[in-house]
Structure formats: C-alpha cells, structure tokens
Amino acid sequence: LQMNSLKPEDTALYYCSSLYVKRYWGQ
C-alpha cells in the first residue's frame, strides 16, 4: 500500500486481510 500526501486523519493501525474460506488478518 503506497500512501502519498498523507494527512493526520490517516493516522491508524493498518491491517492486511484476505477472505479465504474465512477472513484472515495480520497483526
């Protein structure tokens, strides 16, 4: 995920995820 022109409102915990039989999440 290339993020440009970042704003303070982009502050967050970002997760990678995929639906493969069930939904999986990174940490």
PDB file of all heavy atoms in Angstrom:
ATOM      1  N   LEU A   1       0.873  -1.175   0.000  1.00  0.00           N
ATOM      2  CA  LEU A   1       0.000   0.000   0.000  1.00  0.00           C
ATOM      3  C   LEU A   1       0.906   1.219   0.000  1.00  0.00           C
ATOM      4  O   LEU A   1       1.540   1.533   1.016  1.00  0.00           O
ATOM      5  CB  LEU A   1      -0.932   0.018   1.208  1.00  0.00           C
ATOM      6  CG  LEU A   1      -1.966   1.144   1.207  1.00  0.00           C
ATOM      7  CD1 LEU A   1      -2.971   0.948   0.074  1.00  0.00           C
ATOM      8  CD2 LEU A   1      -2.692   1.241   2.545  1.00  0.00           C
ATOM      9  N   GLN A   2       1.005   1.868  -1.150  1.00  0.00           N
ATOM     10  CA  GLN A   2       1.772   3.109  -1.255  1.00  0.00           C
ATOM     11  C   GLN A   2       0.851   4.252  -0.865  1.00  0.00           C
ATOM     12  O   GLN A   2      -0.206   4.441  -1.474  1.00  0.00           O
ATOM     13  CB  GLN A   2       2.273   3.302  -2.688  1.00  0.00           C
ATOM     14  CG  GLN A   2       3.030   4.595  -2.901  1.00  0.00           C
ATOM     15  CD  GLN A   2       4.338   4.646  -2.146  1.00  0.00           C
ATOM     16  OE1 GLN A   2       5.100   3.685  -2.147  1.00  0.00           O
ATOM     17  NE2 GLN A   2       4.609   5.781  -1.496  1.00  0.00           N
ATOM     18  N   MET A   3       1.267   4.995   0.140  1.00  0.00           N
ATOM     19  CA  MET A   3       0.455   6.097   0.654  1.00  0.00           C
ATOM     20  C   MET A   3       1.200   7.399   0.436  1.00  0.00           C
ATOM     21  O   MET A   3       2.315   7.570   0.936  1.00  0.00           O
ATOM     22  CB  MET A   3       0.157   5.880   2.143  1.00  0.00           C
ATOM     23  CG  MET A   3      -0.461   4.528   2.446  1.00  0.00           C
ATOM     24  SD  MET A   3      -0.915   4.324   4.175  1.00  0.00           S
ATOM     25  CE  MET A   3       0.706   4.327   4.930  1.00  0.00           C
ATOM     26  N   ASN A   4       0.630   8.286  -0.320  1.00  0.00           N
ATOM     27  CA  ASN A   4       1.212   9.593  -0.602  1.00  0.00           C
ATOM     28  C   ASN A   4       0.318  10.698  -0.044  1.00  0.00           C
ATOM     29  O   ASN A   4      -0.858  10.473   0.253  1.00  0.00           O
ATOM     30  CB  ASN A   4       1.394   9.776  -2.111  1.00  0.00           C
ATOM     31  CG  ASN A   4       2.367   8.780  -2.704  1.00  0.00           C
ATOM     32  OD1 ASN A   4       3.334   8.367  -2.066  1.00  0.00           O
ATOM     33  ND2 ASN A   4       2.117   8.393  -3.943  1.00  0.00           N
ATOM     34  N   SER A   5       0.895  11.872   0.074  1.00  0.00           N
ATOM     35  CA  SER A   5       0.143  13.041   0.565  1.00  0.00           C
ATOM     36  C   SER A   5      -0.623  12.696   1.842  1.00  0.00           C
ATOM     37  O   SER A   5      -1.817  12.992   1.970  1.00  0.00           O
ATOM     38  CB  SER A   5      -0.828  13.530  -0.513  1.00  0.00           C
ATOM     39  OG  SER A   5      -0.145  13.845  -1.703  1.00  0.00           O
ATOM     40  N   LEU A   6       0.091  12.109   2.772  1.00  0.00           N
ATOM     41  CA  LEU A   6      -0.566  11.658   3.998  1.00  0.00           C
ATOM     42  C   LEU A   6      -1.102  12.825   4.818  1.00  0.00           C
ATOM     43  O   LEU A   6      -0.521  13.917   4.843  1.00  0.00           O
ATOM     44  CB  LEU A   6       0.400  10.827   4.833  1.00  0.00           C
ATOM     45  CG  LEU A   6       0.559   9.380   4.338  1.00  0.00           C
ATOM     46  CD1 LEU A   6       1.824   8.751   4.897  1.00  0.00           C
ATOM     47  CD2 LEU A   6      -0.668   8.554   4.723  1.00  0.00           C
ATOM     48  N   LYS A   7      -2.223  12.565   5.475  1.00  0.00           N
ATOM     49  CA  LYS A   7      -2.886  13.563   6.307  1.00  0.00           C
ATOM     50  C   LYS A   7      -2.974  13.044   7.742  1.00  0.00           C
ATOM     51  O   LYS A   7      -2.967  11.825   7.954  1.00  0.00           O
ATOM     52  CB  LYS A   7      -4.308  13.800   5.786  1.00  0.00           C
ATOM     53  CG  LYS A   7      -4.393  14.205   4.326  1.00  0.00           C
ATOM     54  CD  LYS A   7      -5.844  14.308   3.874  1.00  0.00           C
ATOM     55  CE  LYS A   7      -5.934  14.685   2.410  1.00  0.00           C
ATOM     56  NZ  LYS A   7      -7.356  14.772   1.956  1.00  0.00           N
ATOM     57  N   PRO A   8      -3.073  13.942   8.712  1.00  0.00           N
ATOM     58  CA  PRO A   8      -3.217  13.481  10.102  1.00  0.00           C
ATOM     59  C   PRO A   8      -4.392  12.508  10.279  1.00  0.00           C
ATOM     60  O   PRO A   8      -4.301  11.593  11.101  1.00  0.00           O
ATOM     61  CB  PRO A   8      -3.444  14.778  10.870  1.00  0.00           C
ATOM     62  CG  PRO A   8      -2.709  15.810  10.072  1.00  0.00           C
ATOM     63  CD  PRO A   8      -2.921  15.400   8.645  1.00  0.00           C
ATOM     64  N   GLU A   9      -5.450  12.687   9.515  1.00  0.00           N
ATOM     65  CA  GLU A   9      -6.604  11.790   9.641  1.00  0.00           C
ATOM     66  C   GLU A   9      -6.347  10.391   9.082  1.00  0.00           C
ATOM     67  O   GLU A   9      -7.184   9.506   9.222  1.00  0.00           O
ATOM     68  CB  GLU A   9      -7.849  12.396   8.982  1.00  0.00           C
ATOM     69  CG  GLU A   9      -7.641  12.878   7.565  1.00  0.00           C
ATOM     70  CD  GLU A   9      -7.356  14.369   7.501  1.00  0.00           C
ATOM     71  OE1 GLU A   9      -6.562  14.880   8.324  1.00  0.00           O
ATOM     72  OE2 GLU A   9      -7.935  15.029   6.585  1.00  0.00           O
ATOM     73  N   ASP A  10      -5.174  10.186   8.458  1.00  0.00           N
ATOM     74  CA  ASP A  10      -4.794   8.842   8.022  1.00  0.00           C
ATOM     75  C   ASP A  10      -4.165   8.040   9.164  1.00  0.00           C
ATOM     76  O   ASP A  10      -3.880   6.841   9.002  1.00  0.00           O
ATOM     77  CB  ASP A  10      -3.807   8.911   6.853  1.00  0.00           C
ATOM     78  CG  ASP A  10      -4.422   9.500   5.599  1.00  0.00           C
ATOM     79  OD1 ASP A  10      -5.572   9.157   5.289  1.00  0.00           O
ATOM     80  OD2 ASP A  10      -3.728  10.310   4.943  1.00  0.00           O
ATOM     81  N   THR A  11      -3.928   8.691  10.289  1.00  0.00           N
ATOM     82  CA  THR A  11      -3.350   8.001  11.444  1.00  0.00           C
ATOM     83  C   THR A  11      -4.256   6.865  11.893  1.00  0.00           C
ATOM     84  O   THR A  11      -5.440   7.066  12.151  1.00  0.00           O
ATOM     85  CB  THR A  11      -3.142   9.001  12.598  1.00  0.00           C
ATOM     86  OG1 THR A  11      -2.155   9.957  12.210  1.00  0.00           O
ATOM     87  CG2 THR A  11      -2.689   8.280  13.866  1.00  0.00           C
ATOM     88  N   ALA A  12      -3.687   5.663  11.940  1.00  0.00           N
ATOM     89  CA  ALA A  12      -4.477   4.479  12.291  1.00  0.00           C
ATOM     90  C   ALA A  12      -3.571   3.255  12.344  1.00  0.00           C
ATOM     91  O   ALA A  12      -2.409   3.317  11.931  1.00  0.00           O
ATOM     92  CB  ALA A  12      -5.582   4.241  11.257  1.00  0.00           C
ATOM     93  N   LEU A  13      -4.137   2.180  12.827  1.00  0.00           N
ATOM     94  CA  LEU A  13      -3.490   0.875  12.738  1.00  0.00           C
ATOM     95  C   LEU A  13      -3.969   0.245  11.432  1.00  0.00           C
ATOM     96  O   LEU A  13      -5.179   0.130  11.211  1.00  0.00           O
ATOM     97  CB  LEU A  13      -3.876   0.016  13.934  1.00  0.00           C
ATOM     98  CG  LEU A  13      -3.126  -1.295  14.153  1.00  0.00           C
ATOM     99  CD1 LEU A  13      -1.626  -1.056  14.295  1.00  0.00           C
ATOM    100  CD2 LEU A  13      -3.656  -1.980  15.411  1.00  0.00           C
ATOM    101  N   TYR A  14      -3.034  -0.091  10.566  1.00  0.00           N
ATOM    102  CA  TYR A  14      -3.360  -0.612   9.244  1.00  0.00           C
ATOM    103  C   TYR A  14      -3.191  -2.142   9.225  1.00  0.00           C
ATOM    104  O   TYR A  14      -2.150  -2.656   9.664  1.00  0.00           O
ATOM    105  CB  TYR A  14      -2.463   0.029   8.178  1.00  0.00           C
ATOM    106  CG  TYR A  14      -2.885   1.429   7.837  1.00  0.00           C
ATOM    107  CD1 TYR A  14      -2.692   2.472   8.728  1.00  0.00           C
ATOM    108  CD2 TYR A  14      -3.495   1.714   6.611  1.00  0.00           C
ATOM    109  CE1 TYR A  14      -3.094   3.772   8.432  1.00  0.00           C
ATOM    110  CE2 TYR A  14      -3.898   3.005   6.293  1.00  0.00           C
ATOM    111  CZ  TYR A  14      -3.698   4.026   7.199  1.00  0.00           C
ATOM    112  OH  TYR A  14      -4.097   5.304   6.894  1.00  0.00           O
ATOM    113  N   TYR A  15      -4.213  -2.807   8.702  1.00  0.00           N
ATOM    114  CA  TYR A  15      -4.236  -4.261   8.657  1.00  0.00           C
ATOM    115  C   TYR A  15      -4.316  -4.773   7.231  1.00  0.00           C
ATOM    116  O   TYR A  15      -5.069  -4.242   6.410  1.00  0.00           O
ATOM    117  CB  TYR A  15      -5.464  -4.809   9.395  1.00  0.00           C
ATOM    118  CG  TYR A  15      -5.539  -4.513  10.858  1.00  0.00           C
ATOM    119  CD1 TYR A  15      -6.191  -3.379  11.332  1.00  0.00           C
ATOM    120  CD2 TYR A  15      -4.965  -5.376  11.794  1.00  0.00           C
ATOM    121  CE1 TYR A  15      -6.285  -3.117  12.684  1.00  0.00           C
ATOM    122  CE2 TYR A  15      -5.055  -5.126  13.153  1.00  0.00           C
ATOM    123  CZ  TYR A  15      -5.712  -3.992  13.591  1.00  0.00           C
ATOM    124  OH  TYR A  15      -5.792  -3.734  14.933  1.00  0.00           O
ATOM    125  N   CYS A  16      -3.587  -5.827   6.970  1.00  0.00           N
ATOM    126  CA  CYS A  16      -3.728  -6.579   5.745  1.00  0.00           C
ATOM    127  C   CYS A  16      -4.736  -7.692   6.014  1.00  0.00           C
ATOM    128  O   CYS A  16      -4.753  -8.266   7.113  1.00  0.00           O
ATOM    129  CB  CYS A  16      -2.371  -7.160   5.359  1.00  0.00           C
ATOM    130  SG  CYS A  16      -2.355  -8.155   3.880  1.00  0.00           S
ATOM    131  N   SER A  17      -5.563  -8.012   5.008  1.00  0.00           N
ATOM    132  CA  SER A  17      -6.610  -9.006   5.230  1.00  0.00           C
ATOM    133  C   SER A  17      -6.949  -9.713   3.937  1.00  0.00           C
ATOM    134  O   SER A  17      -6.788  -9.153   2.843  1.00  0.00           O
ATOM    135  CB  SER A  17      -7.856  -8.323   5.799  1.00  0.00           C
ATOM    136  OG  SER A  17      -8.890  -9.253   6.027  1.00  0.00           O
ATOM    137  N   SER A  18      -7.442 -10.934   4.069  1.00  0.00           N
ATOM    138  CA  SER A  18      -7.911 -11.679   2.911  1.00  0.00           C
ATOM    139  C   SER A  18      -9.003 -12.651   3.333  1.00  0.00           C
ATOM    140  O   SER A  18      -8.958 -13.211   4.430  1.00  0.00           O
ATOM    141  CB  SER A  18      -6.763 -12.439   2.249  1.00  0.00           C
ATOM    142  OG  SER A  18      -7.192 -13.046   1.049  1.00  0.00           O
ATOM    143  N   LEU A  19      -9.963 -12.806   2.442  1.00  0.00           N
ATOM    144  CA  LEU A  19     -11.048 -13.760   2.668  1.00  0.00           C
ATOM    145  C   LEU A  19     -10.728 -15.042   1.907  1.00  0.00           C
ATOM    146  O   LEU A  19     -10.750 -15.056   0.676  1.00  0.00           O
ATOM    147  CB  LEU A  19     -12.381 -13.167   2.203  1.00  0.00           C
ATOM    148  CG  LEU A  19     -13.612 -14.046   2.430  1.00  0.00           C
ATOM    149  CD1 LEU A  19     -13.818 -14.298   3.915  1.00  0.00           C
ATOM    150  CD2 LEU A  19     -14.855 -13.387   1.834  1.00  0.00           C
ATOM    151  N   TYR A  20     -10.384 -16.072   2.655  1.00  0.00           N
ATOM    152  CA  TYR A  20     -10.012 -17.363   2.061  1.00  0.00           C
ATOM    153  C   TYR A  20     -10.621 -18.438   2.957  1.00  0.00           C
ATOM    154  O   TYR A  20     -10.040 -18.817   3.957  1.00  0.00           O
ATOM    155  CB  TYR A  20      -8.487 -17.482   1.984  1.00  0.00           C
ATOM    156  CG  TYR A  20      -7.982 -18.801   1.470  1.00  0.00           C
ATOM    157  CD1 TYR A  20      -8.197 -19.177   0.156  1.00  0.00           C
ATOM    158  CD2 TYR A  20      -7.284 -19.671   2.299  1.00  0.00           C
ATOM    159  CE1 TYR A  20      -7.734 -20.390  -0.321  1.00  0.00           C
ATOM    160  CE2 TYR A  20      -6.814 -20.875   1.829  1.00  0.00           C
ATOM    161  CZ  TYR A  20      -7.043 -21.235   0.516  1.00  0.00           C
ATOM    162  OH  TYR A  20      -6.583 -22.436   0.045  1.00  0.00           O
ATOM    163  N   VAL A  21     -11.803 -18.872   2.617  1.00  0.00           N
ATOM    164  CA  VAL A  21     -12.638 -19.733   3.468  1.00  0.00           C
ATOM    165  C   VAL A  21     -13.151 -18.907   4.653  1.00  0.00           C
ATOM    166  O   VAL A  21     -14.345 -18.853   4.913  1.00  0.00           O
ATOM    167  CB  VAL A  21     -11.908 -20.999   3.963  1.00  0.00           C
ATOM    168  CG1 VAL A  21     -12.869 -21.842   4.804  1.00  0.00           C
ATOM    169  CG2 VAL A  21     -11.364 -21.783   2.791  1.00  0.00           C
ATOM    170  N   LYS A  22     -12.254 -18.290   5.351  1.00  0.00           N
ATOM    171  CA  LYS A  22     -12.650 -17.329   6.377  1.00  0.00           C
ATOM    172  C   LYS A  22     -11.769 -16.105   6.216  1.00  0.00           C
ATOM    173  O   LYS A  22     -10.813 -16.106   5.455  1.00  0.00           O
ATOM    174  CB  LYS A  22     -12.493 -17.929   7.769  1.00  0.00           C
ATOM    175  CG  LYS A  22     -11.054 -18.183   8.190  1.00  0.00           C
ATOM    176  CD  LYS A  22     -10.980 -18.618   9.638  1.00  0.00           C
ATOM    177  CE  LYS A  22      -9.547 -18.675  10.121  1.00  0.00           C
ATOM    178  NZ  LYS A  22      -9.439 -19.034  11.558  1.00  0.00           N
ATOM    179  N   ARG A  23     -12.098 -15.038   6.978  1.00  0.00           N
ATOM    180  CA  ARG A  23     -11.293 -13.821   6.842  1.00  0.00           C
ATOM    181  C   ARG A  23     -10.073 -13.905   7.761  1.00  0.00           C
ATOM    182  O   ARG A  23     -10.194 -14.180   8.954  1.00  0.00           O
ATOM    183  CB  ARG A  23     -12.117 -12.575   7.162  1.00  0.00           C
ATOM    184  CG  ARG A  23     -11.294 -11.291   6.994  1.00  0.00           C
ATOM    185  CD  ARG A  23     -12.116 -10.066   6.755  1.00  0.00           C
ATOM    186  NE  ARG A  23     -12.754 -10.044   5.449  1.00  0.00           N
ATOM    187  CZ  ARG A  23     -12.156  -9.675   4.325  1.00  0.00           C
ATOM    188  NH1 ARG A  23     -10.893  -9.311   4.329  1.00  0.00           N
ATOM    189  NH2 ARG A  23     -12.830  -9.669   3.183  1.00  0.00           N
ATOM    190  N   TYR A  24      -8.941 -13.646   7.170  1.00  0.00           N
ATOM    191  CA  TYR A  24      -7.688 -13.630   7.903  1.00  0.00           C
ATOM    192  C   TYR A  24      -7.179 -12.212   8.043  1.00  0.00           C
ATOM    193  O   TYR A  24      -7.373 -11.371   7.158  1.00  0.00           O
ATOM    194  CB  TYR A  24      -6.635 -14.478   7.174  1.00  0.00           C
ATOM    195  CG  TYR A  24      -6.922 -15.958   7.238  1.00  0.00           C
ATOM    196  CD1 TYR A  24      -7.665 -16.584   6.234  1.00  0.00           C
ATOM    197  CD2 TYR A  24      -6.453 -16.735   8.293  1.00  0.00           C
ATOM    198  CE1 TYR A  24      -7.933 -17.944   6.297  1.00  0.00           C
ATOM    199  CE2 TYR A  24      -6.718 -18.093   8.353  1.00  0.00           C
ATOM    200  CZ  TYR A  24      -7.465 -18.688   7.351  1.00  0.00           C
ATOM    201  OH  TYR A  24      -7.737 -20.032   7.419  1.00  0.00           O
ATOM    202  N   TRP A  25      -6.493 -11.953   9.159  1.00  0.00           N
ATOM    203  CA  TRP A  25      -5.959 -10.629   9.470  1.00  0.00           C
ATOM    204  C   TRP A  25      -4.498 -10.746   9.873  1.00  0.00           C
ATOM    205  O   TRP A  25      -4.097 -11.703  10.530  1.00  0.00           O
ATOM    206  CB  TRP A  25      -6.727 -10.002  10.633  1.00  0.00           C
ATOM    207  CG  TRP A  25      -8.185  -9.796  10.373  1.00  0.00           C
ATOM    208  CD1 TRP A  25      -9.197 -10.653  10.686  1.00  0.00           C
ATOM    209  CD2 TRP A  25      -8.796  -8.658   9.759  1.00  0.00           C
ATOM    210  NE1 TRP A  25     -10.401 -10.121  10.293  1.00  0.00           N
ATOM    211  CE2 TRP A  25     -10.189  -8.893   9.728  1.00  0.00           C
ATOM    212  CE3 TRP A  25      -8.320  -7.458   9.244  1.00  0.00           C
ATOM    213  CZ2 TRP A  25     -11.107  -7.979   9.195  1.00  0.00           C
ATOM    214  CZ3 TRP A  25      -9.226  -6.551   8.718  1.00  0.00           C
ATOM    215  CH2 TRP A  25     -10.598  -6.810   8.690  1.00  0.00           C
ATOM    216  N   GLY A  26      -3.750  -9.711   9.517  1.00  0.00           N
ATOM    217  CA  GLY A  26      -2.422  -9.582  10.054  1.00  0.00           C
ATOM    218  C   GLY A  26      -2.487  -8.933  11.422  1.00  0.00           C
ATOM    219  O   GLY A  26      -3.564  -8.625  11.933  1.00  0.00           O
ATOM    220  N   GLN A  27      -1.307  -8.690  12.002  1.00  0.00           N
ATOM    221  CA  GLN A  27      -1.260  -8.120  13.348  1.00  0.00           C
ATOM    222  C   GLN A  27      -1.397  -6.606  13.330  1.00  0.00           C
ATOM    223  O   GLN A  27      -1.654  -5.993  14.362  1.00  0.00           O
ATOM    224  CB  GLN A  27       0.056  -8.524  14.048  1.00  0.00           C
ATOM    225  CG  GLN A  27       1.265  -7.675  13.690  1.00  0.00           C
ATOM    226  CD  GLN A  27       1.805  -7.938  12.289  1.00  0.00           C
ATOM    227  OE1 GLN A  27       1.380  -8.871  11.592  1.00  0.00           O
ATOM    228  NE2 GLN A  27       2.767  -7.134  11.871  1.00  0.00           N
TER     229      GLN A  27
END
